[in-house]
Amino acid sequence: MAIQQKLSLMIPGPTPVPEKVLQALGKHPIGHRTKEFQDLVERTTKNLKWLHQTKNDVLTITGSGTAAMEAAIINTLSKGDKVICGDNGKFGQRWVKVAKEFGLNVIKVDAKWGSPLNPESFKQILNDDFNKEIKAVILTHSETSTGVINDLQTISSHIIAHKKALSIIDCVTSIGACDVPVDEWGLDIVASGSQKGYMMPPGLSFVSMSQKAWQATEKSNLPKFYLDLKSYKKSILNNSNPYTPAVNLVFALDESLKMMKEEGLENIFKRHSRHKLAVSDAAITLNLKLFADKNHLSPSITAIELEDIDAEVFRKKIKEDYDILIAGGQDHLKGKIFRIGHLGYVNDRDIISVIAAISNTLLDMGKISCNQAGEALKIAMKDLKTI
């Protein structure tokens, strides 16, 4: 029988999970109405606020990041409300579909996949809304499908200037990977998921709610029950949960947040910036084309376009030869791009390993020279020491 190999996850989620977090998952469950669990919720809630850089409520839901985003929409909006949706990738496209599903009147701001959303487009639409009919702006910060990060700070400033519209932001692959100062940027609702920068398995999602967002819940008439955030707000006052939570995932959350606090926010952000730089510079050295705009690369994921190689064949070969899993393209990009996830529990060694695997695979295919392969590693190692 062959020895089971060690699969290295270099995808945008699920991401690698630290041993301490895995051990926390293995604890015997406790009652979710006990003092012991209440203490756990109190501690994790406090640390979630630290991570989000906010004094606002941060609620924990048993569900995926999509559940958090749906909760944000159905708790603050009503059927027929006019909203702006940013669409420059798979997940921006999803929020357009969700908004329409709930009967919202969607104004779409789009950009070509691989390009960032233009903040001026949001500004123009909001400035022209003289009757203040626009109730929310919904967008993805780090677009996982393309490796683009949108200029959330600038877009948020335009939303704030409107005074009435809420910001509803998908930060699923940006919280825990790059600087998202919720209060400083005036963000109303921020959604994220456990299997990304939190260094945990899938199963929990998080929603940060401003006072303005809570005020909007009083007027919302969209149907909700399990995702009724008022129930979660009421429960969090007693360090509890309205329904049976994923107890062992909360154990894991406690451990992952402790690890993040030990590293510190600034160091977390620097680490992700180093990894983004190393991967993108190495790709260029290998004559590969970055799919995303060079000035708007996400610190969480790098998408690379292959012009004369089937990306699915390429990533399959890397998995078979090196036990490294990289992500493929979605929808019309399948077979055309591959995506390297470098968020969460990823270190410099992981970055060097995936670059070496890509280089060697290109070398085997006769696409590059030995000198190029060596130069890519040299440049990556230099980048990893710069920030």
Protein backbone atom coordinates (compact mmCIF):
# COMPACT_ATOMS: atom_id res chain seq x y z
CA MET A 1 0.00 0.00 0.00
CA ALA A 2 1.36 3.42 -0.95
CA ILE A 3 2.13 5.88 1.80
CA GLN A 4 -0.53 8.56 2.06
CA GLN A 5 0.96 11.77 0.75
CA LYS A 6 0.75 15.19 2.40
CA LEU A 7 -1.55 17.37 0.34
CA SER A 8 -0.65 21.05 0.55
CA LEU A 9 -3.63 23.38 0.12
CA MET A 10 -2.70 26.44 -1.92
CA ILE A 11 -6.27 27.37 -2.81
CA PRO A 12 -8.38 30.32 -1.64
CA GLY A 13 -10.34 28.11 0.72
CA PRO A 14 -10.46 25.93 2.60
CA THR A 15 -7.00 27.01 3.71
CA PRO A 16 -4.44 25.07 5.79
CA VAL A 17 -5.37 24.61 9.46
CA PRO A 18 -2.74 24.87 12.24
CA GLU A 19 -2.22 21.85 14.48
CA LYS A 20 -3.35 23.83 17.56
CA VAL A 21 -6.64 24.60 15.84
CA LEU A 22 -7.12 20.98 14.79
CA GLN A 23 -6.48 19.87 18.36
CA ALA A 24 -9.10 22.34 19.59
CA LEU A 25 -11.62 20.76 17.22
CA GLY A 26 -10.98 17.40 18.88
CA LYS A 27 -12.09 18.53 22.35
CA HIS A 28 -15.14 16.91 23.89
CA PRO A 29 -18.20 19.10 23.18
CA ILE A 30 -19.72 21.12 26.01
CA GLY A 31 -23.23 22.42 26.53
CA HIS A 32 -23.88 25.57 24.58
CA ARG A 33 -26.00 27.00 27.41
CA THR A 34 -23.31 26.56 30.05
CA LYS A 35 -21.19 29.19 31.79
CA GLU A 36 -18.11 27.59 30.22
CA PHE A 37 -19.43 28.16 26.70
CA GLN A 38 -20.59 31.68 27.58
CA ASP A 39 -17.03 32.53 28.65
CA LEU A 40 -15.80 31.16 25.33
CA VAL A 41 -18.27 33.30 23.37
CA GLU A 42 -17.34 36.39 25.37
CA ARG A 43 -13.66 35.87 24.59
CA THR A 44 -14.10 35.11 20.88
CA THR A 45 -16.47 38.06 20.43
CA LYS A 46 -13.92 40.41 21.97
CA ASN A 47 -11.18 39.08 19.71
CA LEU A 48 -13.39 39.25 16.62
CA LYS A 49 -13.85 42.96 17.30
CA TRP A 50 -10.07 43.27 17.53
CA LEU A 51 -9.65 41.53 14.17
CA HIS A 52 -12.29 43.74 12.53
CA GLN A 53 -10.85 46.87 14.19
CA THR A 54 -14.32 47.83 15.36
CA LYS A 55 -16.41 48.67 18.39
CA ASN A 56 -19.49 47.42 16.56
CA ASP A 57 -21.23 44.10 17.12
CA VAL A 58 -19.59 41.13 15.40
CA LEU A 59 -21.97 38.17 15.27
CA THR A 60 -21.07 34.51 14.70
CA ILE A 61 -23.35 32.34 12.57
CA THR A 62 -23.08 28.62 11.93
CA GLY A 63 -23.00 28.73 8.14
CA SER A 64 -20.78 29.76 5.24
CA GLY A 65 -19.76 33.23 4.13
CA THR A 66 -22.71 33.20 1.75
CA ALA A 67 -25.02 32.84 4.76
CA ALA A 68 -23.42 35.93 6.31
CA MET A 69 -23.92 37.95 3.12
CA GLU A 70 -27.51 36.78 2.72
CA ALA A 71 -28.15 37.68 6.36
CA ALA A 72 -26.76 41.17 5.73
CA ILE A 73 -29.11 41.70 2.80
CA ILE A 74 -32.34 40.26 4.24
CA ASN A 75 -31.96 41.98 7.62
CA THR A 76 -31.47 45.52 6.36
CA LEU A 77 -33.39 45.79 3.07
CA SER A 78 -36.95 45.46 1.80
CA LYS A 79 -38.49 44.17 -1.39
CA GLY A 80 -38.23 46.78 -4.14
CA ASP A 81 -35.35 48.67 -2.51
CA LYS A 82 -32.88 50.18 -4.92
CA VAL A 83 -29.30 48.94 -4.45
CA ILE A 84 -25.98 49.17 -6.28
CA CYS A 85 -24.13 45.88 -6.82
CA GLY A 86 -20.49 45.73 -7.85
CA ASP A 87 -19.84 42.92 -10.33
CA ASN A 88 -16.29 42.16 -11.50
CA GLY A 89 -16.11 38.44 -10.82
CA LYS A 90 -17.92 35.29 -9.75
CA PHE A 91 -18.80 36.55 -6.29
CA GLY A 92 -19.87 40.02 -7.31
CA GLN A 93 -22.06 38.26 -9.86
CA ARG A 94 -23.49 36.12 -7.06
CA TRP A 95 -24.60 39.15 -5.03
CA VAL A 96 -26.41 40.51 -8.06
CA LYS A 97 -28.30 37.19 -8.29
CA VAL A 98 -29.06 37.12 -4.55
CA ALA A 99 -30.28 40.72 -4.56
CA LYS A 100 -32.60 40.03 -7.50
CA GLU A 101 -33.83 36.84 -5.84
CA PHE A 102 -35.08 38.92 -2.92
CA GLY A 103 -36.83 41.36 -5.21
CA LEU A 104 -34.36 44.23 -4.94
CA ASN A 105 -34.01 46.81 -7.70
CA VAL A 106 -30.39 46.33 -8.78
CA ILE A 107 -28.18 48.95 -10.39
CA LYS A 108 -25.10 47.08 -11.57
CA VAL A 109 -21.61 48.56 -11.63
CA ASP A 110 -19.44 46.12 -13.48
CA ALA A 111 -15.92 45.73 -14.74
CA LYS A 112 -14.20 43.15 -16.89
CA TRP A 113 -13.13 40.08 -14.91
CA GLY A 114 -9.54 40.76 -13.91
CA SER A 115 -10.06 44.50 -13.52
CA PRO A 116 -11.10 46.42 -10.38
CA LEU A 117 -14.38 48.25 -9.95
CA ASN A 118 -14.10 51.97 -10.69
CA PRO A 119 -14.90 54.00 -7.53
CA GLU A 120 -15.94 56.93 -9.74
CA SER A 121 -18.81 54.86 -11.14
CA PHE A 122 -20.21 54.45 -7.63
CA LYS A 123 -19.66 58.12 -6.88
CA GLN A 124 -21.54 59.24 -9.99
CA ILE A 125 -24.59 57.06 -9.32
CA LEU A 126 -24.72 58.05 -5.65
CA ASN A 127 -24.30 61.75 -6.44
CA ASP A 128 -27.15 61.57 -8.96
CA ASP A 129 -29.47 59.99 -6.40
CA PHE A 130 -31.06 63.31 -5.38
CA ASN A 131 -34.07 61.65 -3.75
CA LYS A 132 -31.87 59.29 -1.72
CA GLU A 133 -33.60 56.19 -3.06
CA ILE A 134 -30.50 53.98 -3.00
CA LYS A 135 -30.58 51.92 0.19
CA ALA A 136 -27.32 49.98 -0.07
CA VAL A 137 -24.12 49.33 -1.99
CA ILE A 138 -23.16 45.66 -2.15
CA LEU A 139 -19.73 44.53 -3.30
CA THR A 140 -16.87 42.10 -2.88
CA HIS A 141 -13.60 43.46 -1.47
CA SER A 142 -11.22 40.69 -2.55
CA GLU A 143 -12.67 39.00 -5.65
CA THR A 144 -11.57 35.40 -5.19
CA SER A 145 -12.38 34.33 -8.73
CA THR A 146 -9.94 36.73 -10.39
CA GLY A 147 -7.36 37.77 -7.78
CA VAL A 148 -8.44 41.44 -7.82
CA ILE A 149 -8.86 43.62 -4.74
CA ASN A 150 -11.28 46.51 -5.08
CA ASP A 151 -10.64 49.98 -3.65
CA LEU A 152 -13.02 49.58 -0.73
CA GLN A 153 -11.77 52.61 1.18
CA THR A 154 -12.54 55.02 -1.66
CA ILE A 155 -15.87 53.40 -2.53
CA SER A 156 -16.86 53.53 1.14
CA SER A 157 -16.10 57.26 1.27
CA HIS A 158 -18.60 57.81 -1.56
CA ILE A 159 -21.21 55.71 0.25
CA ILE A 160 -20.72 57.74 3.44
CA ALA A 161 -21.10 60.98 1.49
CA HIS A 162 -24.51 59.77 0.27
CA LYS A 163 -25.54 59.61 3.97
CA LYS A 164 -28.47 57.19 3.46
CA ALA A 165 -27.03 54.12 1.71
CA LEU A 166 -25.54 51.24 3.66
CA SER A 167 -22.33 49.47 2.70
CA ILE A 168 -22.71 45.67 2.59
CA ILE A 169 -19.28 44.17 1.98
CA ASP A 170 -18.09 40.65 1.23
CA CYS A 171 -14.73 40.50 3.00
CA VAL A 172 -14.57 36.71 2.97
CA THR A 173 -11.00 36.60 1.59
CA SER A 174 -9.79 39.92 2.94
CA ILE A 175 -10.53 39.81 6.70
CA GLY A 176 -7.47 38.26 8.31
CA ALA A 177 -5.35 38.82 5.19
CA CYS A 178 -5.25 42.57 4.65
CA ASP A 179 -6.07 45.75 6.52
CA VAL A 180 -9.83 46.26 6.79
CA PRO A 181 -10.31 48.89 9.53
CA VAL A 182 -14.09 48.67 9.78
CA ASP A 183 -14.64 51.74 11.95
CA GLU A 184 -12.02 53.92 10.29
CA TRP A 185 -13.48 53.24 6.84
CA GLY A 186 -17.05 53.61 8.10
CA LEU A 187 -18.18 50.19 6.89
CA ASP A 188 -21.72 49.23 7.89
CA ILE A 189 -21.86 45.49 7.33
CA VAL A 190 -18.87 43.22 6.77
CA ALA A 191 -19.22 39.49 6.14
CA SER A 192 -16.47 36.85 6.35
CA GLY A 193 -16.00 33.08 6.66
CA SER A 194 -13.95 30.78 8.86
CA GLN A 195 -12.19 28.77 6.14
CA LYS A 196 -10.17 31.68 4.78
CA GLY A 197 -7.96 34.07 6.79
CA TYR A 198 -9.25 32.64 10.06
CA MET A 199 -7.21 29.44 9.48
CA MET A 200 -10.14 27.18 10.31
CA PRO A 201 -12.29 24.55 8.60
CA PRO A 202 -15.50 25.76 6.92
CA GLY A 203 -18.63 26.16 9.02
CA LEU A 204 -18.69 29.57 10.72
CA SER A 205 -19.37 33.00 9.29
CA PHE A 206 -19.19 36.45 10.83
CA VAL A 207 -21.16 39.65 10.41
CA SER A 208 -20.02 43.05 11.66
CA MET A 209 -22.96 45.46 12.11
CA SER A 210 -22.77 49.25 12.56
CA GLN A 211 -25.41 51.26 14.43
CA LYS A 212 -26.66 52.52 11.08
CA ALA A 213 -27.09 48.92 9.96
CA TRP A 214 -29.05 48.06 13.10
CA GLN A 215 -31.33 51.03 12.48
CA ALA A 216 -32.03 49.68 9.00
CA THR A 217 -33.17 46.34 10.46
CA GLU A 218 -36.21 48.10 11.93
CA LYS A 219 -37.56 48.81 8.43
CA SER A 220 -36.63 45.56 6.68
CA ASN A 221 -39.55 43.38 5.54
CA LEU A 222 -37.71 40.53 3.81
CA PRO A 223 -38.45 37.06 5.28
CA LYS A 224 -35.95 35.63 7.74
CA PHE A 225 -35.84 33.21 10.64
CA TYR A 226 -32.57 31.36 11.20
CA LEU A 227 -30.66 34.33 9.80
CA ASP A 228 -32.60 36.97 11.75
CA LEU A 229 -29.70 39.02 13.12
CA LYS A 230 -31.85 40.59 15.84
CA SER A 231 -31.96 37.14 17.47
CA TYR A 232 -28.17 36.95 17.38
CA LYS A 233 -27.83 40.46 18.81
CA LYS A 234 -30.18 39.63 21.67
CA SER A 235 -28.28 36.42 22.43
CA ILE A 236 -24.84 38.00 22.27
CA LEU A 237 -25.79 40.28 25.16
CA ASN A 238 -25.73 37.10 27.25
CA ASN A 239 -22.74 35.62 25.41
CA SER A 240 -25.02 33.04 23.86
CA ASN A 241 -26.51 31.97 20.55
CA PRO A 242 -30.15 31.78 19.46
CA TYR A 243 -29.71 28.26 18.05
CA THR A 244 -27.36 25.33 18.61
CA PRO A 245 -23.96 26.56 17.39
CA ALA A 246 -21.08 24.48 16.04
CA VAL A 247 -19.49 24.21 19.49
CA ASN A 248 -16.24 22.60 18.38
CA LEU A 249 -15.75 25.17 15.64
CA VAL A 250 -16.01 27.86 18.32
CA PHE A 251 -13.22 26.03 20.19
CA ALA A 252 -11.20 26.26 16.96
CA LEU A 253 -12.09 29.93 16.50
CA ASP A 254 -10.83 30.69 20.00
CA GLU A 255 -7.49 29.07 19.22
CA SER A 256 -7.09 30.67 15.79
CA LEU A 257 -7.83 34.16 17.14
CA LYS A 258 -5.26 33.62 19.91
CA MET A 259 -2.67 32.75 17.26
CA MET A 260 -3.58 35.81 15.22
CA LYS A 261 -3.25 38.09 18.25
CA GLU A 262 0.16 36.61 18.99
CA GLU A 263 1.30 37.41 15.45
CA GLY A 264 -0.31 40.86 15.49
CA LEU A 265 -2.36 42.58 12.81
CA GLU A 266 0.55 44.47 11.25
CA ASN A 267 2.63 41.31 10.92
CA ILE A 268 -0.32 39.40 9.44
CA PHE A 269 -0.79 42.06 6.79
CA LYS A 270 2.93 42.21 6.01
CA ARG A 271 3.13 38.44 5.64
CA HIS A 272 0.31 38.40 3.11
CA SER A 273 1.86 41.32 1.21
CA ARG A 274 5.19 39.47 0.99
CA HIS A 275 3.51 36.37 -0.34
CA LYS A 276 1.53 38.31 -2.94
CA LEU A 277 4.70 40.01 -4.14
CA ALA A 278 6.75 36.82 -4.28
CA VAL A 279 4.13 34.85 -6.22
CA SER A 280 3.35 37.62 -8.71
CA ASP A 281 7.01 38.49 -9.39
CA ALA A 282 7.91 34.82 -9.81
CA ALA A 283 5.04 34.33 -12.25
CA ILE A 284 6.19 37.25 -14.39
CA THR A 285 9.75 35.87 -14.38
CA LEU A 286 8.37 32.55 -15.66
CA ASN A 287 6.74 34.37 -18.61
CA LEU A 288 3.30 33.82 -17.10
CA LYS A 289 0.58 36.42 -17.39
CA LEU A 290 -1.11 37.77 -14.27
CA PHE A 291 -4.84 37.69 -14.87
CA ALA A 292 -5.58 40.59 -12.52
CA ASP A 293 -4.57 44.21 -12.85
CA LYS A 294 -0.99 44.49 -11.49
CA ASN A 295 -1.90 47.48 -9.31
CA HIS A 296 -4.90 45.75 -7.75
CA LEU A 297 -3.61 42.31 -6.79
CA SER A 298 -5.32 40.68 -3.83
CA PRO A 299 -3.00 39.69 -0.96
CA SER A 300 -5.04 36.49 -0.67
CA ILE A 301 -4.87 34.96 -4.11
CA THR A 302 -3.02 35.28 -7.40
CA ALA A 303 -4.72 34.31 -10.65
CA ILE A 304 -2.47 33.34 -13.57
CA GLU A 305 -3.52 33.03 -17.20
CA LEU A 306 -2.17 30.23 -19.40
CA GLU A 307 -2.26 30.93 -23.13
CA ASP A 308 -1.13 27.64 -24.68
CA ILE A 309 -1.60 25.17 -21.81
CA ASP A 310 -4.86 23.79 -20.44
CA ALA A 311 -4.93 25.12 -16.88
CA GLU A 312 -6.84 22.05 -15.65
CA VAL A 313 -4.17 19.72 -17.03
CA PHE A 314 -1.47 21.94 -15.50
CA ARG A 315 -2.95 21.96 -12.00
CA LYS A 316 -3.63 18.21 -12.16
CA LYS A 317 0.03 17.58 -12.95
CA ILE A 318 1.14 19.75 -10.00
CA LYS A 319 -1.18 17.84 -7.68
CA GLU A 320 0.03 14.45 -8.93
CA ASP A 321 3.74 15.31 -8.95
CA TYR A 322 4.04 17.54 -5.90
CA ASP A 323 0.90 17.01 -3.78
CA ILE A 324 0.08 20.71 -4.03
CA LEU A 325 -3.49 21.68 -4.78
CA ILE A 326 -4.00 24.96 -6.62
CA ALA A 327 -7.39 26.25 -7.76
CA GLY A 328 -8.79 26.39 -11.25
CA GLY A 329 -10.78 29.04 -13.06
CA GLN A 330 -14.53 29.43 -12.64
CA ASP A 331 -17.25 29.63 -15.28
CA HIS A 332 -15.79 30.87 -18.60
CA LEU A 333 -12.28 30.93 -17.09
CA LYS A 334 -12.13 27.18 -16.47
CA GLY A 335 -9.12 25.75 -18.28
CA LYS A 336 -7.77 29.24 -18.94
CA ILE A 337 -6.44 30.31 -15.53
CA PHE A 338 -5.21 28.76 -12.30
CA ARG A 339 -5.28 30.45 -8.92
CA ILE A 340 -2.74 30.26 -6.10
CA GLY A 341 -4.19 30.84 -2.65
CA HIS A 342 -1.77 32.40 -0.17
CA LEU A 343 -3.96 33.40 2.75
CA GLY A 344 -4.34 32.16 6.28
CA TYR A 345 -1.91 29.59 7.66
CA VAL A 346 0.66 29.94 4.87
CA ASN A 347 4.36 30.59 5.46
CA ASP A 348 7.36 31.46 3.29
CA ARG A 349 8.25 27.79 2.79
CA ASP A 350 4.81 27.13 1.30
CA ILE A 351 5.33 30.00 -1.16
CA ILE A 352 8.75 28.72 -2.25
CA SER A 353 7.33 25.19 -2.63
CA VAL A 354 4.47 26.21 -4.92
CA ILE A 355 6.74 28.42 -7.04
CA ALA A 356 9.23 25.56 -7.38
CA ALA A 357 6.42 23.17 -8.36
CA ILE A 358 5.11 25.56 -11.02
CA SER A 359 8.65 26.19 -12.33
CA ASN A 360 9.50 22.50 -12.55
CA THR A 361 6.21 21.71 -14.28
CA LEU A 362 6.83 24.41 -16.89
CA LEU A 363 10.38 23.08 -17.28
CA ASP A 364 9.06 19.53 -17.84
CA MET A 365 6.72 20.90 -20.51
CA GLY A 366 9.60 22.67 -22.25
CA LYS A 367 8.08 26.10 -21.67
CA ILE A 368 10.98 27.69 -19.77
CA SER A 369 14.71 27.26 -19.25
CA CYS A 370 16.54 26.10 -16.13
CA ASN A 371 17.86 29.64 -15.74
CA GLN A 372 14.31 31.03 -15.65
CA ALA A 373 13.25 28.50 -13.06
CA GLY A 374 16.20 29.43 -10.87
CA GLU A 375 15.65 33.16 -11.39
CA ALA A 376 12.00 32.87 -10.33
CA LEU A 377 13.01 31.31 -7.02
CA LYS A 378 15.76 33.87 -6.54
CA ILE A 379 13.35 36.79 -7.04
CA ALA A 380 10.72 35.21 -4.79
CA MET A 381 13.23 34.68 -1.99
CA LYS A 382 14.32 38.30 -2.29
CA ASP A 383 10.68 39.48 -2.10
CA LEU A 384 10.06 37.40 0.99
CA LYS A 385 12.77 39.37 2.79
CA THR A 386 11.70 42.84 1.68
CA ILE A 387 8.59 43.62 3.73
